Amino acid sequence: MEKEPIKSHEDLEVYKMAFDVAMKIFELSKKFPVEERSWLKFAVKCGYLDVDTARELYGVYNRVLGILVTIINNPSPWLIKR
């Protein structure tokens, strides 16, 4: 079964993964005090976010970064063919 051709950056699995984890962080940060939104390490140190959740989020970000590095180092398979 052949995959659909990529027409936009939003079709990339890495984009979807990054967007999903960003949304999860956004939802979690709604519970933080206004002055503490986003900064994951600060959120853990201040007790707004548990260590396991932060590790899970950092794990996804590390996978996203790894995929992006792979794409940068070998761009040909990712280029849109016209």
Protein backbone atom coordinates (compact mmCIF):
# COMPACT_ATOMS: atom_id res chain seq x y z
CA MET A 1 0.00 0.00 0.00
CA GLU A 2 1.51 3.30 -1.11
CA LYS A 3 1.44 6.44 1.04
CA GLU A 4 -0.17 9.63 -0.18
CA PRO A 5 2.38 12.15 -1.48
CA ILE A 6 3.35 14.91 0.92
CA LYS A 7 1.78 18.19 -0.19
CA SER A 8 2.57 20.29 2.87
CA HIS A 9 4.72 20.25 6.00
CA GLU A 10 1.52 19.39 7.88
CA ASP A 11 1.49 15.98 6.15
CA LEU A 12 4.80 14.99 7.79
CA GLU A 13 4.53 12.60 10.74
CA VAL A 14 7.17 14.65 12.58
CA TYR A 15 4.98 17.77 12.25
CA LYS A 16 1.97 15.90 13.62
CA MET A 17 4.04 14.53 16.51
CA ALA A 18 5.42 17.98 17.37
CA PHE A 19 1.98 19.59 17.15
CA ASP A 20 0.41 16.93 19.38
CA VAL A 21 3.04 17.30 22.11
CA ALA A 22 2.80 21.11 21.91
CA MET A 23 -0.97 20.85 22.39
CA LYS A 24 -0.49 18.54 25.38
CA ILE A 25 1.91 21.04 26.97
CA PHE A 26 -0.53 23.86 26.24
CA GLU A 27 -3.39 21.97 27.92
CA LEU A 28 -1.25 21.09 30.94
CA SER A 29 0.04 24.65 31.27
CA LYS A 30 -3.51 26.01 31.60
CA LYS A 31 -3.36 24.74 35.19
CA PHE A 32 -0.15 26.69 35.95
CA PRO A 33 -0.11 30.19 37.44
CA VAL A 34 -0.04 32.78 34.64
CA GLU A 35 3.59 33.76 35.26
CA GLU A 36 4.79 30.12 35.02
CA ARG A 37 3.29 28.99 31.69
CA SER A 38 5.47 26.90 29.25
CA TRP A 39 8.91 26.47 30.95
CA LEU A 40 8.84 22.69 31.65
CA LYS A 41 11.90 22.53 33.91
CA PHE A 42 10.61 25.41 36.02
CA ALA A 43 7.15 23.82 36.15
CA VAL A 44 8.64 20.57 37.54
CA LYS A 45 10.86 22.40 40.06
CA CYS A 46 7.89 24.47 41.26
CA GLY A 47 5.65 21.41 41.58
CA TYR A 48 3.17 22.39 38.84
CA LEU A 49 4.07 19.36 36.71
CA ASP A 50 5.12 15.88 37.80
CA VAL A 51 8.51 14.50 36.74
CA ASP A 52 7.07 11.54 34.80
CA THR A 53 4.87 13.78 32.63
CA ALA A 54 7.80 16.12 31.94
CA ARG A 55 10.02 13.14 31.00
CA GLU A 56 7.34 11.88 28.62
CA LEU A 57 7.07 15.32 26.97
CA TYR A 58 10.85 15.69 26.69
CA GLY A 59 11.01 12.18 25.21
CA VAL A 60 8.62 13.16 22.43
CA TYR A 61 10.57 16.37 21.79
CA ASN A 62 13.80 14.36 21.57
CA ARG A 63 12.18 12.03 19.00
CA VAL A 64 10.95 15.07 17.02
CA LEU A 65 14.47 16.56 17.07
CA GLY A 66 15.96 13.23 15.98
CA ILE A 67 13.59 13.02 13.01
CA LEU A 68 14.33 16.62 12.04
CA VAL A 69 18.07 15.95 12.14
CA THR A 70 17.55 12.90 9.92
CA ILE A 71 15.54 14.99 7.46
CA ILE A 72 18.24 17.70 7.44
CA ASN A 73 21.03 15.18 6.90
CA ASN A 74 19.18 13.27 4.15
CA PRO A 75 16.59 15.62 2.60
CA SER A 76 16.01 13.83 -0.76
CA PRO A 77 13.24 11.45 0.42
CA TRP A 78 11.40 14.39 1.96
CA LEU A 79 11.42 16.73 -1.03
CA ILE A 80 8.12 17.37 -2.78
CA LYS A 81 8.27 15.93 -6.26
CA ARG A 82 6.58 18.06 -8.90
